[in-house]
């Protein structure tokens, strides 16, 4: 839709198309374990205790503390959702194990929104 508008407005050739990275290739049988010693890995850095910084986000969705206002990951900006936040929908939301459950909930919301079922999406 945007491409048609840009072409009709004569803006099509003003900017280069965005650089697209090639699709990520996943091995057919990826390794499920890693021998750190054999791989030469001697250190693991686990970064915790950092505060999020959304100052780069140019949408009016931040609260007075600079955090994104949301309801279970659904932001009051169409098409903007959150994942991986502390207690997003459940206690384990910020953990890898919690991402799947949150993703299912948010994808149900997104599907309802895209299907025009606004009452279920809100």
N, C-alpha and C. Protein backbone atom coordinates (compact mmCIF):
# COMPACT_ATOMS: atom_id res chain seq x y z
N UNK A 1 0.82 -1.17 0.00
CA UNK A 1 0.00 0.00 0.00
C UNK A 1 0.88 1.26 0.00
N UNK A 2 1.90 1.28 0.83
CA UNK A 2 2.79 2.42 0.89
C UNK A 2 3.57 2.56 -0.42
N UNK A 3 3.99 1.42 -1.00
CA UNK A 3 4.74 1.47 -2.25
C UNK A 3 3.92 2.11 -3.36
N UNK A 4 2.63 1.77 -3.42
CA UNK A 4 1.76 2.36 -4.44
C UNK A 4 1.64 3.87 -4.23
N UNK A 5 1.49 4.29 -2.97
CA UNK A 5 1.38 5.72 -2.66
C UNK A 5 2.66 6.45 -3.07
N UNK A 6 3.83 5.86 -2.74
CA UNK A 6 5.10 6.49 -3.06
C UNK A 6 5.26 6.62 -4.57
N UNK A 7 4.88 5.58 -5.31
CA UNK A 7 4.99 5.62 -6.77
C UNK A 7 4.05 6.68 -7.34
N UNK A 8 2.82 6.74 -6.84
CA UNK A 8 1.84 7.71 -7.34
C UNK A 8 2.24 9.15 -6.99
N UNK A 9 2.96 9.32 -5.89
CA UNK A 9 3.38 10.66 -5.45
C UNK A 9 4.71 11.08 -6.05
N UNK A 10 5.33 10.21 -6.85
CA UNK A 10 6.60 10.53 -7.45
C UNK A 10 7.77 10.45 -6.48
N UNK A 11 7.60 9.75 -5.36
CA UNK A 11 8.65 9.64 -4.35
C UNK A 11 9.38 8.31 -4.42
N UNK A 12 9.00 7.50 -5.38
CA UNK A 12 9.52 6.13 -5.46
C UNK A 12 11.03 6.06 -5.56
N UNK A 13 11.67 6.93 -6.32
CA UNK A 13 13.10 6.84 -6.54
C UNK A 13 13.94 7.71 -5.63
N UNK A 14 13.33 8.40 -4.66
CA UNK A 14 14.09 9.32 -3.81
C UNK A 14 14.97 8.63 -2.79
N UNK A 15 14.60 7.43 -2.39
CA UNK A 15 15.36 6.72 -1.36
C UNK A 15 15.66 5.31 -1.83
N UNK A 16 16.81 4.83 -1.41
CA UNK A 16 17.17 3.44 -1.71
C UNK A 16 16.27 2.52 -0.90
N UNK A 17 15.97 1.33 -1.43
CA UNK A 17 15.20 0.39 -0.62
C UNK A 17 16.02 -0.02 0.61
N UNK A 18 15.35 -0.40 1.70
CA UNK A 18 16.09 -0.76 2.91
C UNK A 18 16.96 -2.00 2.66
N UNK A 19 18.08 -2.03 3.35
CA UNK A 19 18.96 -3.20 3.25
C UNK A 19 18.28 -4.38 3.92
N UNK A 20 18.11 -5.44 3.20
CA UNK A 20 17.47 -6.64 3.74
C UNK A 20 18.53 -7.71 3.97
N UNK A 21 18.60 -8.21 5.19
CA UNK A 21 19.51 -9.30 5.48
C UNK A 21 18.94 -10.59 4.90
N UNK A 22 19.80 -11.51 4.53
CA UNK A 22 19.28 -12.78 4.01
C UNK A 22 18.54 -13.53 5.11
N UNK A 23 17.59 -14.40 4.74
CA UNK A 23 16.85 -15.16 5.76
C UNK A 23 17.82 -15.99 6.60
N UNK A 24 17.49 -16.14 7.87
CA UNK A 24 18.30 -16.96 8.77
C UNK A 24 18.13 -18.42 8.39
N UNK A 25 19.25 -19.08 8.20
CA UNK A 25 19.20 -20.51 7.88
C UNK A 25 19.36 -21.30 9.17
N UNK A 26 18.48 -22.25 9.38
CA UNK A 26 18.54 -23.10 10.56
C UNK A 26 18.99 -24.48 10.12
N UNK A 27 19.97 -25.00 10.84
CA UNK A 27 20.47 -26.33 10.52
C UNK A 27 19.34 -27.36 10.61
N UNK A 28 19.43 -28.40 9.81
CA UNK A 28 18.43 -29.46 9.85
C UNK A 28 18.44 -30.14 11.21
N UNK A 29 19.64 -30.40 11.72
CA UNK A 29 19.79 -31.02 13.05
C UNK A 29 20.71 -30.14 13.90
N UNK A 30 20.20 -29.07 14.47
CA UNK A 30 21.06 -28.18 15.25
C UNK A 30 21.52 -28.88 16.53
N UNK A 31 22.70 -28.52 17.03
CA UNK A 31 23.16 -29.12 18.28
C UNK A 31 22.28 -28.67 19.44
N UNK A 32 21.96 -29.60 20.32
CA UNK A 32 21.11 -29.28 21.45
C UNK A 32 21.90 -29.07 22.73
N UNK A 33 23.18 -29.44 22.71
CA UNK A 33 24.05 -29.21 23.86
C UNK A 33 25.37 -28.66 23.34
N UNK A 34 26.13 -28.05 24.23
CA UNK A 34 27.42 -27.50 23.85
C UNK A 34 28.41 -27.77 24.96
N UNK A 35 29.49 -28.43 24.63
CA UNK A 35 30.57 -28.67 25.57
C UNK A 35 31.41 -27.40 25.59
N UNK A 36 31.22 -26.58 26.62
CA UNK A 36 31.88 -25.28 26.69
C UNK A 36 33.40 -25.42 26.65
N UNK A 37 33.94 -26.40 27.36
CA UNK A 37 35.39 -26.59 27.41
C UNK A 37 35.93 -26.96 26.03
N UNK A 38 35.28 -27.91 25.36
CA UNK A 38 35.72 -28.34 24.04
C UNK A 38 35.58 -27.21 23.01
N UNK A 39 34.59 -26.33 23.21
CA UNK A 39 34.37 -25.23 22.28
C UNK A 39 35.29 -24.05 22.57
N UNK A 40 36.07 -24.14 23.66
CA UNK A 40 36.99 -23.06 24.00
C UNK A 40 36.33 -21.88 24.69
N UNK A 41 35.13 -22.08 25.19
CA UNK A 41 34.42 -21.01 25.89
C UNK A 41 34.79 -21.08 27.37
N UNK A 42 35.40 -20.01 27.86
CA UNK A 42 35.86 -19.99 29.25
C UNK A 42 35.07 -19.04 30.13
N UNK A 43 34.26 -18.19 29.53
CA UNK A 43 33.49 -17.22 30.32
C UNK A 43 32.08 -17.08 29.76
N UNK A 44 31.15 -16.89 30.66
CA UNK A 44 29.76 -16.59 30.28
C UNK A 44 29.40 -15.30 31.01
N UNK A 45 28.94 -14.30 30.29
CA UNK A 45 28.54 -13.04 30.90
C UNK A 45 27.02 -12.98 30.91
N UNK A 46 26.48 -12.85 32.09
CA UNK A 46 25.03 -12.77 32.25
C UNK A 46 24.72 -11.35 32.69
N UNK A 47 24.15 -10.55 31.80
CA UNK A 47 23.90 -9.13 32.10
C UNK A 47 22.53 -8.97 32.74
N UNK A 48 22.52 -8.51 33.98
CA UNK A 48 21.25 -8.27 34.68
C UNK A 48 21.32 -6.92 35.37
N UNK A 49 20.18 -6.44 35.80
CA UNK A 49 20.15 -5.22 36.57
C UNK A 49 20.11 -3.94 35.76
N UNK A 50 20.00 -4.05 34.45
CA UNK A 50 19.94 -2.86 33.62
C UNK A 50 18.50 -2.38 33.51
N UNK A 51 18.34 -1.10 33.40
CA UNK A 51 17.01 -0.52 33.24
C UNK A 51 16.72 -0.32 31.75
N UNK A 52 15.49 -0.56 31.33
CA UNK A 52 15.16 -0.35 29.91
C UNK A 52 15.19 1.13 29.56
N UNK A 53 15.53 1.42 28.32
CA UNK A 53 15.57 2.80 27.82
C UNK A 53 14.79 2.83 26.51
N UNK A 54 13.62 3.44 26.54
CA UNK A 54 12.78 3.53 25.36
C UNK A 54 12.77 4.93 24.76
N UNK A 55 13.80 5.72 25.07
CA UNK A 55 13.84 7.09 24.58
C UNK A 55 13.85 7.16 23.06
N UNK A 56 14.27 6.10 22.40
CA UNK A 56 14.34 6.05 20.94
C UNK A 56 12.95 5.82 20.32
N UNK A 57 12.00 5.38 21.12
CA UNK A 57 10.67 5.04 20.63
C UNK A 57 9.87 6.32 20.44
N UNK A 58 9.58 6.64 19.20
CA UNK A 58 8.92 7.90 18.88
C UNK A 58 7.41 7.73 18.72
N UNK A 59 6.79 7.13 19.74
CA UNK A 59 5.34 6.96 19.77
C UNK A 59 4.89 7.34 21.18
N UNK A 60 3.75 8.00 21.33
CA UNK A 60 3.32 8.46 22.65
C UNK A 60 2.75 7.34 23.52
N UNK A 61 3.60 6.41 23.95
CA UNK A 61 3.13 5.27 24.74
C UNK A 61 3.88 5.12 26.06
N UNK A 62 4.72 6.10 26.41
CA UNK A 62 5.51 5.98 27.63
C UNK A 62 4.80 6.65 28.81
N UNK A 63 4.95 6.04 29.98
CA UNK A 63 4.39 6.65 31.18
C UNK A 63 5.39 7.64 31.76
N UNK A 64 5.10 8.21 32.92
CA UNK A 64 5.97 9.25 33.50
C UNK A 64 7.34 8.71 33.90
N UNK A 65 7.45 7.38 34.07
CA UNK A 65 8.74 6.77 34.41
C UNK A 65 9.52 6.35 33.17
N UNK A 66 8.94 6.56 31.99
CA UNK A 66 9.62 6.20 30.75
C UNK A 66 9.41 4.76 30.34
N UNK A 67 8.46 4.09 30.97
CA UNK A 67 8.15 2.70 30.62
C UNK A 67 6.94 2.66 29.69
N UNK A 68 6.85 1.62 28.90
CA UNK A 68 5.75 1.50 27.94
C UNK A 68 4.47 1.10 28.67
N UNK A 69 3.41 1.89 28.47
CA UNK A 69 2.10 1.56 29.01
C UNK A 69 1.51 0.43 28.17
N UNK A 70 1.07 -0.62 28.83
CA UNK A 70 0.49 -1.76 28.10
C UNK A 70 -0.44 -2.54 29.01
N UNK A 71 -1.23 -3.37 28.41
CA UNK A 71 -2.11 -4.28 29.14
C UNK A 71 -1.78 -5.68 28.67
N UNK A 72 -0.95 -6.38 29.42
CA UNK A 72 -0.55 -7.73 29.05
C UNK A 72 0.22 -7.80 27.75
N UNK A 73 0.96 -6.76 27.44
CA UNK A 73 1.75 -6.74 26.20
C UNK A 73 1.07 -6.03 25.05
N UNK A 74 -0.19 -5.70 25.21
CA UNK A 74 -0.93 -4.97 24.17
C UNK A 74 -0.79 -3.48 24.47
N UNK A 75 -0.13 -2.77 23.56
CA UNK A 75 0.12 -1.34 23.72
C UNK A 75 -0.99 -0.57 23.03
N UNK A 76 -1.34 0.59 23.56
CA UNK A 76 -2.42 1.40 22.99
C UNK A 76 -1.97 2.12 21.72
N UNK A 77 -1.15 1.48 20.94
CA UNK A 77 -0.69 1.98 19.64
C UNK A 77 -0.88 0.81 18.68
N UNK A 78 -1.77 0.91 17.71
CA UNK A 78 -2.05 -0.22 16.82
C UNK A 78 -0.77 -0.83 16.24
N UNK A 79 -0.67 -2.15 16.39
CA UNK A 79 0.47 -2.89 15.84
C UNK A 79 1.68 -2.95 16.74
N UNK A 80 1.62 -2.36 17.94
CA UNK A 80 2.76 -2.38 18.85
C UNK A 80 2.45 -3.30 20.02
N UNK A 81 3.31 -4.29 20.20
CA UNK A 81 3.14 -5.28 21.26
C UNK A 81 4.47 -5.45 21.99
N UNK A 82 4.42 -5.96 23.20
CA UNK A 82 5.61 -6.22 24.00
C UNK A 82 5.75 -7.71 24.26
N UNK A 83 6.99 -8.14 24.38
CA UNK A 83 7.29 -9.52 24.78
C UNK A 83 8.49 -9.46 25.71
N UNK A 84 8.58 -10.42 26.62
CA UNK A 84 9.75 -10.57 27.46
C UNK A 84 9.85 -9.62 28.64
N UNK A 85 8.79 -8.90 28.94
CA UNK A 85 8.82 -7.96 30.06
C UNK A 85 8.49 -8.69 31.36
N UNK A 86 9.02 -8.19 32.48
CA UNK A 86 8.71 -8.77 33.78
C UNK A 86 7.20 -8.78 34.02
N UNK A 87 6.66 -9.91 34.42
CA UNK A 87 5.24 -10.05 34.75
C UNK A 87 4.32 -9.51 33.66
N UNK A 88 4.70 -9.72 32.40
CA UNK A 88 3.88 -9.24 31.29
C UNK A 88 2.46 -9.81 31.39
N UNK A 89 2.36 -11.10 31.49
CA UNK A 89 1.08 -11.78 31.67
C UNK A 89 1.13 -12.80 32.80
N UNK A 90 2.31 -13.23 33.13
CA UNK A 90 2.50 -14.24 34.17
C UNK A 90 3.88 -14.08 34.79
N UNK A 91 4.13 -14.77 35.85
CA UNK A 91 5.39 -14.63 36.58
C UNK A 91 6.60 -14.97 35.71
N UNK A 92 6.46 -15.93 34.82
CA UNK A 92 7.61 -16.37 34.01
C UNK A 92 7.75 -15.62 32.68
N UNK A 93 7.04 -14.52 32.51
CA UNK A 93 7.04 -13.79 31.24
C UNK A 93 8.42 -13.34 30.78
N UNK A 94 9.30 -12.98 31.69
CA UNK A 94 10.62 -12.49 31.31
C UNK A 94 11.61 -13.62 31.06
N UNK A 95 11.18 -14.85 31.27
CA UNK A 95 12.06 -16.01 31.06
C UNK A 95 11.78 -16.65 29.71
N UNK A 96 12.75 -17.34 29.18
CA UNK A 96 12.58 -18.00 27.88
C UNK A 96 11.37 -18.93 27.91
N UNK A 97 11.19 -19.64 29.01
CA UNK A 97 10.07 -20.58 29.14
C UNK A 97 8.71 -19.87 29.11
N UNK A 98 8.67 -18.60 29.47
CA UNK A 98 7.40 -17.88 29.50
C UNK A 98 7.03 -17.24 28.18
N UNK A 99 7.98 -17.11 27.28
CA UNK A 99 7.72 -16.43 26.02
C UNK A 99 6.67 -17.15 25.18
N UNK A 100 6.68 -18.46 25.19
CA UNK A 100 5.72 -19.22 24.37
C UNK A 100 4.28 -18.95 24.76
N UNK A 101 4.00 -18.98 26.06
CA UNK A 101 2.63 -18.73 26.52
C UNK A 101 2.19 -17.31 26.19
N UNK A 102 3.08 -16.34 26.44
CA UNK A 102 2.74 -14.95 26.11
C UNK A 102 2.55 -14.77 24.62
N UNK A 103 3.40 -15.40 23.82
CA UNK A 103 3.28 -15.29 22.36
C UNK A 103 1.95 -15.84 21.88
N UNK A 104 1.50 -16.96 22.47
CA UNK A 104 0.19 -17.51 22.08
C UNK A 104 -0.93 -16.54 22.43
N UNK A 105 -0.88 -15.96 23.63
CA UNK A 105 -1.92 -15.00 24.03
C UNK A 105 -1.92 -13.79 23.12
N UNK A 106 -0.74 -13.25 22.86
CA UNK A 106 -0.67 -12.05 22.02
C UNK A 106 -1.03 -12.36 20.56
N UNK A 107 -0.68 -13.54 20.08
CA UNK A 107 -1.04 -13.87 18.69
C UNK A 107 -2.56 -14.05 18.57
N UNK A 108 -3.21 -14.58 19.61
CA UNK A 108 -4.67 -14.67 19.60
C UNK A 108 -5.28 -13.26 19.52
N UNK A 109 -4.73 -12.34 20.30
CA UNK A 109 -5.21 -10.95 20.28
C UNK A 109 -5.00 -10.34 18.90
N UNK A 110 -3.82 -10.53 18.34
CA UNK A 110 -3.50 -9.96 17.04
C UNK A 110 -4.39 -10.56 15.94
N UNK A 111 -4.63 -11.86 15.99
CA UNK A 111 -5.51 -12.51 15.00
C UNK A 111 -6.93 -11.95 15.11
N UNK A 112 -7.42 -11.76 16.33
CA UNK A 112 -8.76 -11.20 16.51
C UNK A 112 -8.82 -9.79 15.95
N UNK A 113 -7.80 -9.01 16.21
CA UNK A 113 -7.75 -7.63 15.69
C UNK A 113 -7.75 -7.62 14.17
N UNK A 114 -6.91 -8.47 13.58
CA UNK A 114 -6.82 -8.51 12.11
C UNK A 114 -8.09 -9.05 11.46
N UNK A 115 -8.82 -9.88 12.18
CA UNK A 115 -10.09 -10.42 11.67
C UNK A 115 -11.25 -9.48 11.91
N UNK A 116 -10.98 -8.31 12.50
CA UNK A 116 -12.04 -7.34 12.73
C UNK A 116 -12.85 -7.58 13.97
N UNK A 117 -12.46 -8.56 14.80
CA UNK A 117 -13.18 -8.85 16.04
C UNK A 117 -12.65 -7.93 17.14
N UNK A 118 -12.98 -6.66 17.03
CA UNK A 118 -12.45 -5.65 17.94
C UNK A 118 -12.83 -5.93 19.38
N UNK A 119 -14.05 -6.42 19.63
CA UNK A 119 -14.50 -6.67 21.00
C UNK A 119 -13.61 -7.71 21.68
N UNK A 120 -13.19 -8.74 20.94
CA UNK A 120 -12.34 -9.77 21.52
C UNK A 120 -10.90 -9.29 21.64
N UNK A 121 -10.50 -8.38 20.76
CA UNK A 121 -9.12 -7.90 20.74
C UNK A 121 -8.85 -6.88 21.84
N UNK A 122 -9.88 -6.18 22.32
CA UNK A 122 -9.67 -5.11 23.30
C UNK A 122 -9.51 -5.68 24.68
